[in-house]
Amino acid sequence: MVGVVMFFITYCGCIGALRENIHLLKAFSFSLTLVFLAQLIIAILGFFYSDQTQDALSKLVKKAIVHYRDDLDLQNLMDYIQQEFRCCGWNNYTDWSWNIYFNCSQRNPSKEKCAVPFSCCTPVPRETVINTMCGFGVQTQKYLEAAESIYTDGCADSVVTWMESHLMLVGTLALGLALPQIAGIVLSQMLVSQIHNEIKSLL
C-alpha cells in the first residue's frame, strides 16, 4: 500500500514537471500536503499521549511475561528487551512469578519454578560454555544475592529513560523528513503559478 502511494506521488510530480501538466502538479502538491499533515498530527499526538504510550508498552511487556512460553513472538520480544536494556521483568526480577512456568507457588510442577529466563542472566567474561540455567531459583534469593547472577532491576525505568533520551533524535529525523516535503510543495506551487503566467501571456 505504501509503495502504491509513493509511486502515485512520484509519478504525479515527475510527469507533471516534465509535461508541465497543471493537474498532475496540483495532485502532487496536494498529496505531499496530506502526507505532511498526517506526519504532523501523529507527531503531536505522540507528544501529548506519551503517557498512554508508556502504559501500552507496560501492558505489552506484562503480556509477554505471562505468555512467555506460549507465544514465540512475545518470547523473542521479551528476550530482546531484557538483553538490550540489561534488565529483568518490568518492575524487577520477581515479576516472572506472573508466568505459570516460573511461578514460585508450591503447586507449580514446572522445572523452571522460581526461575527467570536466561535473557535475565548477566554475561560471564571468558565463558566458553553458556550456563542457560543461571536464573534457576533466583526468585527465592534476596536482591543482592540474585544480582550476582542476573539483572535484578526491572525494564520499566530503562525503557522509559531510553524513550525520553531519543525524543530529540526522533524530532530531528521528523524535521529532516519534513523539509524536503515542504520544498516539494512550494516548488510545485511555484511551477503551477509559472505555467499559469505563461498561458496568460499566450492568450
Protein backbone atom coordinates (compact mmCIF):
# COMPACT_ATOMS: atom_id res chain seq x y z
CA MET A 1 0.00 0.00 0.00
CA VAL A 2 2.78 2.43 0.92
CA GLY A 3 4.59 1.56 -2.33
CA VAL A 4 1.48 2.34 -4.39
CA VAL A 5 1.04 5.72 -2.66
CA MET A 6 4.72 6.57 -3.16
CA PHE A 7 4.52 5.57 -6.84
CA PHE A 8 1.43 7.75 -7.35
CA ILE A 9 3.04 10.80 -5.70
CA THR A 10 6.35 10.50 -7.56
CA TYR A 11 4.54 9.79 -10.87
CA CYS A 12 2.42 12.94 -10.49
CA GLY A 13 5.46 15.04 -9.61
CA CYS A 14 7.76 13.68 -12.30
CA ILE A 15 5.34 13.59 -15.23
CA GLY A 16 3.67 16.82 -14.11
CA ALA A 17 7.02 18.66 -14.14
CA LEU A 18 8.18 17.13 -17.45
CA ARG A 19 4.90 17.76 -19.28
CA GLU A 20 4.10 20.94 -17.36
CA ASN A 21 0.72 19.42 -16.53
CA ILE A 22 -1.09 21.60 -14.01
CA HIS A 23 -3.48 18.85 -12.84
CA LEU A 24 -0.67 16.38 -12.08
CA LEU A 25 1.37 19.07 -10.31
CA LYS A 26 -1.64 20.02 -8.17
CA ALA A 27 -2.23 16.34 -7.36
CA PHE A 28 1.48 16.04 -6.39
CA SER A 29 1.30 19.14 -4.18
CA PHE A 30 -1.99 18.02 -2.57
CA SER A 31 -0.64 14.51 -1.87
CA LEU A 32 2.55 15.85 -0.27
CA THR A 33 0.47 18.23 1.85
CA LEU A 34 -1.71 15.34 3.08
CA VAL A 35 1.35 13.22 3.97
CA PHE A 36 2.97 16.17 5.75
CA LEU A 37 -0.19 16.93 7.76
CA ALA A 38 -0.57 13.24 8.70
CA GLN A 39 3.03 13.17 9.98
CA LEU A 40 2.45 16.39 11.91
CA ILE A 41 -0.73 15.06 13.55
CA ILE A 42 0.99 11.78 14.51
CA ALA A 43 3.93 13.70 16.00
CA ILE A 44 1.63 15.97 18.05
CA LEU A 45 -0.46 13.04 19.29
CA GLY A 46 2.71 11.10 20.15
CA PHE A 47 4.00 14.06 22.18
CA PHE A 48 0.75 14.67 24.09
CA TYR A 49 -0.06 10.99 24.62
CA SER A 50 3.40 9.77 25.62
CA ASP A 51 2.00 8.54 28.97
CA GLN A 52 -0.51 6.35 27.13
CA THR A 53 2.34 5.02 25.00
CA GLN A 54 4.21 4.03 28.16
CA ASP A 55 1.06 2.38 29.54
CA ALA A 56 0.59 0.44 26.29
CA LEU A 57 4.24 -0.67 26.43
CA SER A 58 3.80 -1.73 30.06
CA LYS A 59 0.75 -3.85 29.13
CA LEU A 60 2.65 -5.40 26.21
CA VAL A 61 5.63 -6.36 28.40
CA LYS A 62 3.35 -7.78 31.12
CA LYS A 63 1.54 -9.80 28.46
CA ALA A 64 4.91 -11.01 27.14
CA ILE A 65 5.88 -12.17 30.65
CA VAL A 66 2.59 -14.01 31.22
CA HIS A 67 2.65 -15.72 27.80
CA TYR A 68 6.44 -16.11 27.57
CA ARG A 69 6.43 -19.86 26.81
CA ASP A 70 3.16 -19.81 24.83
CA ASP A 71 3.93 -17.19 22.16
CA LEU A 72 7.30 -17.26 20.37
CA ASP A 73 7.00 -13.64 19.18
CA LEU A 74 6.39 -12.37 22.71
CA GLN A 75 9.23 -14.56 23.99
CA ASN A 76 11.65 -13.11 21.43
CA LEU A 77 10.46 -9.58 22.25
CA MET A 78 11.00 -10.08 25.98
CA ASP A 79 14.41 -11.68 25.47
CA TYR A 80 15.47 -8.77 23.23
CA ILE A 81 14.29 -6.11 25.73
CA GLN A 82 15.99 -7.80 28.69
CA GLN A 83 19.30 -8.33 26.88
CA GLU A 84 19.31 -4.90 25.23
CA PHE A 85 18.46 -2.93 28.37
CA ARG A 86 20.16 -5.31 30.84
CA CYS A 87 17.07 -5.73 32.96
CA CYS A 88 14.72 -8.45 34.18
CA GLY A 89 10.92 -8.26 34.35
CA TRP A 90 9.02 -4.97 34.22
CA ASN A 91 9.35 -3.71 37.81
CA ASN A 92 12.02 -6.22 38.93
CA TYR A 93 13.02 -9.86 38.51
CA THR A 94 10.20 -11.17 40.75
CA ASP A 95 7.67 -10.18 38.05
CA TRP A 96 8.41 -13.54 36.45
CA SER A 97 6.16 -15.09 39.10
CA TRP A 98 3.28 -13.88 36.84
CA ASN A 99 4.20 -16.69 34.46
CA ILE A 100 2.81 -20.14 35.27
CA TYR A 101 6.13 -21.84 34.45
CA PHE A 102 8.27 -19.50 36.60
CA ASN A 103 5.74 -19.08 39.42
CA CYS A 104 7.01 -19.88 42.92
CA SER A 105 3.82 -21.44 44.26
CA GLN A 106 4.12 -24.88 45.87
CA ARG A 107 1.63 -26.34 43.39
CA ASN A 108 3.81 -25.44 40.42
CA PRO A 109 5.23 -28.71 38.95
CA SER A 110 7.47 -26.91 36.42
CA LYS A 111 11.23 -27.46 36.46
CA GLU A 112 11.56 -23.69 35.98
CA LYS A 113 9.75 -22.96 39.24
CA CYS A 114 11.13 -19.76 40.91
CA ALA A 115 13.42 -19.19 37.92
CA VAL A 116 13.81 -16.37 35.38
CA PRO A 117 14.65 -16.72 31.66
CA PHE A 118 18.24 -16.94 30.50
CA SER A 119 17.94 -13.46 28.94
CA CYS A 120 18.00 -12.07 32.51
CA CYS A 121 21.44 -13.54 33.20
CA THR A 122 24.50 -11.31 33.39
CA PRO A 123 27.24 -12.38 30.94
CA VAL A 124 30.29 -14.05 32.46
CA PRO A 125 33.64 -12.86 30.99
CA ARG A 126 35.55 -15.52 29.02
CA GLU A 127 32.72 -18.02 29.50
CA THR A 128 33.13 -20.77 26.86
CA VAL A 129 30.04 -22.82 27.77
CA ILE A 130 26.91 -20.73 28.39
CA ASN A 131 25.07 -21.63 31.58
CA THR A 132 21.43 -21.50 30.47
CA MET A 133 20.28 -22.45 33.99
CA CYS A 134 21.84 -19.44 35.71
CA GLY A 135 18.42 -17.98 36.50
CA PHE A 136 17.06 -21.08 38.25
CA GLY A 137 15.79 -20.46 41.79
CA VAL A 138 16.71 -16.75 41.86
CA GLN A 139 13.20 -15.59 42.80
CA THR A 140 13.74 -17.14 46.22
CA GLN A 141 17.00 -15.22 46.67
CA LYS A 142 17.38 -11.74 48.11
CA TYR A 143 18.16 -8.81 45.83
CA LEU A 144 21.94 -8.66 46.39
CA GLU A 145 22.32 -12.42 46.18
CA ALA A 146 20.31 -12.61 42.94
CA ALA A 147 22.32 -9.68 41.49
CA GLU A 148 25.41 -11.91 41.37
CA SER A 149 23.94 -13.94 38.51
CA ILE A 150 21.10 -11.93 36.91
CA TYR A 151 19.95 -8.38 36.16
CA THR A 152 17.67 -7.59 39.09
CA ASP A 153 16.36 -4.17 38.02
CA GLY A 154 13.14 -4.02 36.01
CA CYS A 155 12.94 -2.82 32.42
CA ALA A 156 10.39 -0.04 33.12
CA ASP A 157 12.87 2.67 34.09
CA SER A 158 15.42 1.66 31.44
CA VAL A 159 12.89 1.67 28.58
CA VAL A 160 11.26 4.97 29.65
CA THR A 161 14.68 6.63 30.02
CA TRP A 162 15.67 5.37 26.56
CA MET A 163 12.44 6.70 25.03
CA GLU A 164 12.89 10.13 26.63
CA SER A 165 16.56 10.37 25.60
CA HIS A 166 15.69 9.55 21.98
CA LEU A 167 12.87 12.10 21.63
CA MET A 168 15.35 14.68 20.31
CA LEU A 169 16.65 12.23 17.70
CA VAL A 170 13.11 11.36 16.60
CA GLY A 171 12.26 15.08 16.36
CA THR A 172 15.38 15.76 14.28
CA LEU A 173 14.58 12.90 11.91
CA ALA A 174 10.97 14.09 11.57
CA LEU A 175 12.19 17.60 10.74
CA GLY A 176 14.67 16.17 8.23
CA LEU A 177 11.84 14.31 6.50
CA ALA A 178 9.52 17.34 6.62
CA LEU A 179 11.89 19.82 4.92
CA PRO A 180 12.05 18.02 1.52
CA GLN A 181 8.25 17.65 1.61
CA ILE A 182 7.76 21.37 2.24
CA ALA A 183 10.25 22.15 -0.51
CA GLY A 184 8.33 19.86 -2.91
CA ILE A 185 5.03 21.56 -2.06
CA VAL A 186 6.45 25.07 -2.51
CA LEU A 187 8.31 24.26 -5.74
CA SER A 188 5.31 22.53 -7.31
CA GLN A 189 3.10 25.52 -6.48
CA MET A 190 5.70 27.88 -7.97
CA LEU A 191 5.78 25.78 -11.15
CA VAL A 192 1.97 25.79 -11.36
CA SER A 193 1.97 29.58 -10.96
CA GLN A 194 4.67 29.89 -13.64
CA ILE A 195 2.68 27.74 -16.08
CA HIS A 196 -0.43 29.84 -15.43
CA ASN A 197 1.52 33.01 -16.20
CA GLU A 198 2.84 31.50 -19.45
CA ILE A 199 -0.69 30.53 -20.51
CA LYS A 200 -1.96 34.04 -19.74
CA SER A 201 0.87 35.61 -21.74
CA LEU A 202 -0.04 33.48 -24.78
CA LEU A 203 -3.72 34.48 -24.67
